[in-house]
Amino acid sequence: MAPHIAAQGPVTVRMFSQRLSPTPRGARLARHLVLAQLDEWGVPRDSETADAVAVIVAELAANAVTHGRVPGRDFELLLALLPGSVRIEVTDTRDDRRPPGARDVREPAPLAEAGRGLVLVDALADRWEVVDRDPPGKTVRAEVDLRSGCRRD
């Protein structure tokens, strides 16, 4: 006899995608767009989830601009509201400068002027990874679980 599979209702996934110029202005705009989109989806700007997502986007966008820039090519931001979490993806077209994976992030030296971005991502994301993309490039994908009471529907 076949096992019984319980029927589930439809799952709604909301998505937002934007290509941005690989400049400091593009990185700042990514953060602002994400906060506005989360608020529209019912995740308030002052929530713990929105704060974590905003910092992650700021760091990943800054990395895409600083380390992943290829002249004439934009970076892409994808935001998805999934059941129970928010997914962030930042994609650039440079594949010769790959960041360390989630298990390989190291604290920078105390007086180092750089190197804290992925430490923040590692601390704030519930899950994250670096994946190759085709055509050449990479995507850094992070997820933040929705904290209780952060959705207002």
C-alpha atoms as a PDB file:
ATOM      1  CA  MET A   1       0.000   0.000   0.000  1.00  0.00           C
ATOM      2  CA  ALA A   2       1.342   3.454  -0.918  1.00  0.00           C
ATOM      3  CA  PRO A   3       2.111   5.839   1.950  1.00  0.00           C
ATOM      4  CA  HIS A   4      -0.390   8.601   2.537  1.00  0.00           C
ATOM      5  CA  ILE A   5       0.850  12.026   1.543  1.00  0.00           C
ATOM      6  CA  ALA A   6      -0.920  14.932   3.186  1.00  0.00           C
ATOM      7  CA  ALA A   7      -2.102  17.621   0.800  1.00  0.00           C
ATOM      8  CA  GLN A   8      -0.594  21.027   1.416  1.00  0.00           C
ATOM      9  CA  GLY A   9      -1.972  24.389   0.413  1.00  0.00           C
ATOM     10  CA  PRO A  10      -0.183  26.522  -2.138  1.00  0.00           C
ATOM     11  CA  VAL A  11       3.123  28.039  -1.090  1.00  0.00           C
ATOM     12  CA  THR A  12       3.648  31.692  -1.954  1.00  0.00           C
ATOM     13  CA  VAL A  13       7.175  32.827  -2.716  1.00  0.00           C
ATOM     14  CA  ARG A  14       7.632  36.516  -3.375  1.00  0.00           C
ATOM     15  CA  MET A  15      10.636  37.612  -5.411  1.00  0.00           C
ATOM     16  CA  PHE A  16      12.402  40.862  -6.231  1.00  0.00           C
ATOM     17  CA  SER A  17      15.325  41.143  -8.639  1.00  0.00           C
ATOM     18  CA  GLN A  18      17.372  44.138  -9.723  1.00  0.00           C
ATOM     19  CA  ARG A  19      20.543  44.694 -11.713  1.00  0.00           C
ATOM     20  CA  LEU A  20      22.695  47.447 -10.233  1.00  0.00           C
ATOM     21  CA  SER A  21      25.779  49.347 -11.326  1.00  0.00           C
ATOM     22  CA  PRO A  22      28.995  48.039  -9.762  1.00  0.00           C
ATOM     23  CA  THR A  23      29.614  51.301  -7.904  1.00  0.00           C
ATOM     24  CA  PRO A  24      29.331  52.408  -4.268  1.00  0.00           C
ATOM     25  CA  ARG A  25      26.061  54.105  -5.251  1.00  0.00           C
ATOM     26  CA  GLY A  26      24.725  50.802  -6.623  1.00  0.00           C
ATOM     27  CA  ALA A  27      25.665  49.048  -3.372  1.00  0.00           C
ATOM     28  CA  ARG A  28      23.867  51.705  -1.275  1.00  0.00           C
ATOM     29  CA  LEU A  29      20.821  51.510  -3.522  1.00  0.00           C
ATOM     30  CA  ALA A  30      20.678  47.714  -3.049  1.00  0.00           C
ATOM     31  CA  ARG A  31      20.293  48.159   0.713  1.00  0.00           C
ATOM     32  CA  HIS A  32      17.565  50.801   0.348  1.00  0.00           C
ATOM     33  CA  LEU A  33      15.645  48.737  -2.210  1.00  0.00           C
ATOM     34  CA  VAL A  34      15.726  45.667   0.030  1.00  0.00           C
ATOM     35  CA  LEU A  35      14.399  47.532   3.057  1.00  0.00           C
ATOM     36  CA  ALA A  36      11.554  49.019   0.991  1.00  0.00           C
ATOM     37  CA  GLN A  37      10.708  45.624  -0.532  1.00  0.00           C
ATOM     38  CA  LEU A  38      10.705  43.839   2.829  1.00  0.00           C
ATOM     39  CA  ASP A  39       8.418  46.516   4.268  1.00  0.00           C
ATOM     40  CA  GLU A  40       6.056  46.075   1.316  1.00  0.00           C
ATOM     41  CA  TRP A  41       6.017  42.332   2.006  1.00  0.00           C
ATOM     42  CA  GLY A  42       5.114  42.916   5.658  1.00  0.00           C
ATOM     43  CA  VAL A  43       8.548  42.669   7.253  1.00  0.00           C
ATOM     44  CA  PRO A  44       8.883  46.022   9.078  1.00  0.00           C
ATOM     45  CA  ARG A  45      12.027  48.113   8.584  1.00  0.00           C
ATOM     46  CA  ASP A  46      12.705  48.146  12.319  1.00  0.00           C
ATOM     47  CA  SER A  47      12.464  44.354  12.751  1.00  0.00           C
ATOM     48  CA  GLU A  48      15.394  42.114  13.631  1.00  0.00           C
ATOM     49  CA  THR A  49      14.951  40.282  10.314  1.00  0.00           C
ATOM     50  CA  ALA A  50      15.049  43.481   8.222  1.00  0.00           C
ATOM     51  CA  ASP A  51      18.107  44.717  10.126  1.00  0.00           C
ATOM     52  CA  ALA A  52      19.979  41.447   9.497  1.00  0.00           C
ATOM     53  CA  VAL A  53      18.991  41.343   5.814  1.00  0.00           C
ATOM     54  CA  ALA A  54      20.012  44.994   5.318  1.00  0.00           C
ATOM     55  CA  VAL A  55      23.495  44.404   6.759  1.00  0.00           C
ATOM     56  CA  ILE A  56      23.972  41.230   4.710  1.00  0.00           C
ATOM     57  CA  VAL A  57      22.902  42.988   1.500  1.00  0.00           C
ATOM     58  CA  ALA A  58      25.168  45.948   2.255  1.00  0.00           C
ATOM     59  CA  GLU A  59      28.164  43.663   2.795  1.00  0.00           C
ATOM     60  CA  LEU A  60      27.524  41.401  -0.204  1.00  0.00           C
ATOM     61  CA  ALA A  61      26.847  44.359  -2.520  1.00  0.00           C
ATOM     62  CA  ALA A  62      30.008  46.116  -1.304  1.00  0.00           C
ATOM     63  CA  ASN A  63      31.966  42.924  -1.985  1.00  0.00           C
ATOM     64  CA  ALA A  64      30.457  42.648  -5.475  1.00  0.00           C
ATOM     65  CA  VAL A  65      31.495  46.243  -6.183  1.00  0.00           C
ATOM     66  CA  THR A  66      34.958  45.957  -4.616  1.00  0.00           C
ATOM     67  CA  HIS A  67      36.029  42.418  -5.493  1.00  0.00           C
ATOM     68  CA  GLY A  68      33.632  41.225  -8.195  1.00  0.00           C
ATOM     69  CA  ARG A  69      33.551  44.192 -10.519  1.00  0.00           C
ATOM     70  CA  VAL A  70      34.089  43.643 -14.202  1.00  0.00           C
ATOM     71  CA  PRO A  71      34.009  46.889 -16.210  1.00  0.00           C
ATOM     72  CA  GLY A  72      30.752  47.249 -18.114  1.00  0.00           C
ATOM     73  CA  ARG A  73      28.955  44.509 -16.181  1.00  0.00           C
ATOM     74  CA  ASP A  74      26.382  45.021 -13.439  1.00  0.00           C
ATOM     75  CA  PHE A  75      25.857  42.932 -10.350  1.00  0.00           C
ATOM     76  CA  GLU A  76      22.484  41.374  -9.623  1.00  0.00           C
ATOM     77  CA  LEU A  77      20.473  41.393  -6.417  1.00  0.00           C
ATOM     78  CA  LEU A  78      17.745  38.833  -5.816  1.00  0.00           C
ATOM     79  CA  LEU A  79      15.510  38.881  -2.750  1.00  0.00           C
ATOM     80  CA  ALA A  80      12.960  36.170  -2.050  1.00  0.00           C
ATOM     81  CA  LEU A  81      10.431  35.873   0.750  1.00  0.00           C
ATOM     82  CA  LEU A  82      10.101  32.153   1.356  1.00  0.00           C
ATOM     83  CA  PRO A  83       7.964  30.321   3.881  1.00  0.00           C
ATOM     84  CA  GLY A  84       9.898  30.977   7.086  1.00  0.00           C
ATOM     85  CA  SER A  85      12.889  32.881   5.690  1.00  0.00           C
ATOM     86  CA  VAL A  86      14.261  35.622   3.460  1.00  0.00           C
ATOM     87  CA  ARG A  87      16.811  34.634   0.807  1.00  0.00           C
ATOM     88  CA  ILE A  88      19.379  37.092  -0.490  1.00  0.00           C
ATOM     89  CA  GLU A  89      21.487  36.450  -3.583  1.00  0.00           C
ATOM     90  CA  VAL A  90      24.155  38.776  -4.925  1.00  0.00           C
ATOM     91  CA  THR A  91      25.691  37.724  -8.224  1.00  0.00           C
ATOM     92  CA  ASP A  92      28.684  39.194 -10.016  1.00  0.00           C
ATOM     93  CA  THR A  93      30.449  38.162 -13.208  1.00  0.00           C
ATOM     94  CA  ARG A  94      33.970  37.725 -11.879  1.00  0.00           C
ATOM     95  CA  ASP A  95      34.972  34.151 -11.183  1.00  0.00           C
ATOM     96  CA  ASP A  96      38.697  34.553 -10.482  1.00  0.00           C
ATOM     97  CA  ARG A  97      38.159  36.149  -7.042  1.00  0.00           C
ATOM     98  CA  ARG A  98      36.051  33.774  -4.995  1.00  0.00           C
ATOM     99  CA  PRO A  99      35.330  34.498  -1.310  1.00  0.00           C
ATOM    100  CA  PRO A 100      35.814  31.794   1.292  1.00  0.00           C
ATOM    101  CA  GLY A 101      32.867  29.553   2.068  1.00  0.00           C
ATOM    102  CA  ALA A 102      30.817  29.685   5.257  1.00  0.00           C
ATOM    103  CA  ARG A 103      33.132  27.305   7.118  1.00  0.00           C
ATOM    104  CA  ASP A 104      36.310  29.085   6.023  1.00  0.00           C
ATOM    105  CA  VAL A 105      35.675  32.677   7.144  1.00  0.00           C
ATOM    106  CA  ARG A 106      38.417  33.948   9.450  1.00  0.00           C
ATOM    107  CA  GLU A 107      38.400  36.950  11.769  1.00  0.00           C
ATOM    108  CA  PRO A 108      40.650  39.721  10.420  1.00  0.00           C
ATOM    109  CA  ALA A 109      43.520  41.091  12.465  1.00  0.00           C
ATOM    110  CA  PRO A 110      42.305  43.603  15.085  1.00  0.00           C
ATOM    111  CA  LEU A 111      43.715  46.630  13.225  1.00  0.00           C
ATOM    112  CA  ALA A 112      42.942  45.409   9.697  1.00  0.00           C
ATOM    113  CA  GLU A 113      41.077  47.959   7.595  1.00  0.00           C
ATOM    114  CA  ALA A 114      39.067  45.311   5.695  1.00  0.00           C
ATOM    115  CA  GLY A 115      37.905  41.738   5.953  1.00  0.00           C
ATOM    116  CA  ARG A 116      34.927  42.003   8.285  1.00  0.00           C
ATOM    117  CA  GLY A 117      32.119  41.798   5.711  1.00  0.00           C
ATOM    118  CA  LEU A 118      31.862  38.025   5.494  1.00  0.00           C
ATOM    119  CA  VAL A 119      32.344  37.764   9.262  1.00  0.00           C
ATOM    120  CA  LEU A 120      29.148  39.831   9.593  1.00  0.00           C
ATOM    121  CA  VAL A 121      27.368  37.718   6.976  1.00  0.00           C
ATOM    122  CA  ASP A 122      28.431  34.581   8.825  1.00  0.00           C
ATOM    123  CA  ALA A 123      27.154  35.982  12.130  1.00  0.00           C
ATOM    124  CA  LEU A 124      23.799  37.262  10.830  1.00  0.00           C
ATOM    125  CA  ALA A 125      22.765  34.663   8.243  1.00  0.00           C
ATOM    126  CA  ASP A 126      21.215  31.414   9.366  1.00  0.00           C
ATOM    127  CA  ARG A 127      22.692  29.772   6.256  1.00  0.00           C
ATOM    128  CA  TRP A 128      24.937  30.991   3.450  1.00  0.00           C
ATOM    129  CA  GLU A 129      27.082  29.690   0.629  1.00  0.00           C
ATOM    130  CA  VAL A 130      29.064  30.688  -2.447  1.00  0.00           C
ATOM    131  CA  VAL A 131      28.027  29.012  -5.703  1.00  0.00           C
ATOM    132  CA  ASP A 132      29.420  29.161  -9.230  1.00  0.00           C
ATOM    133  CA  ARG A 133      27.200  30.571 -11.916  1.00  0.00           C
ATOM    134  CA  ASP A 134      27.137  29.897 -15.603  1.00  0.00           C
ATOM    135  CA  PRO A 135      28.242  32.019 -17.525  1.00  0.00           C
ATOM    136  CA  PRO A 136      31.337  32.842 -15.458  1.00  0.00           C
ATOM    137  CA  GLY A 137      30.806  34.435 -12.115  1.00  0.00           C
ATOM    138  CA  LYS A 138      29.575  33.591  -8.667  1.00  0.00           C
ATOM    139  CA  THR A 139      26.570  34.036  -6.431  1.00  0.00           C
ATOM    140  CA  VAL A 140      26.701  34.511  -2.687  1.00  0.00           C
ATOM    141  CA  ARG A 141      23.419  33.226  -1.275  1.00  0.00           C
ATOM    142  CA  ALA A 142      22.307  33.825   2.310  1.00  0.00           C
ATOM    143  CA  GLU A 143      19.117  33.087   4.228  1.00  0.00           C
ATOM    144  CA  VAL A 144      17.753  34.744   7.332  1.00  0.00           C
ATOM    145  CA  ASP A 145      14.969  32.971   9.170  1.00  0.00           C
ATOM    146  CA  LEU A 146      11.933  35.118   9.891  1.00  0.00           C
ATOM    147  CA  ARG A 147      11.930  36.044  13.551  1.00  0.00           C
ATOM    148  CA  SER A 148       8.648  35.609  15.411  1.00  0.00           C
ATOM    149  CA  GLY A 149       6.314  38.543  15.114  1.00  0.00           C
ATOM    150  CA  CYS A 150       8.172  40.211  12.255  1.00  0.00           C
ATOM    151  CA  ARG A 151       5.459  39.690   9.616  1.00  0.00           C
ATOM    152  CA  ARG A 152       2.471  41.970   9.653  1.00  0.00           C
ATOM    153  CA  ASP A 153      -0.179  40.566   7.356  1.00  0.00           C
END
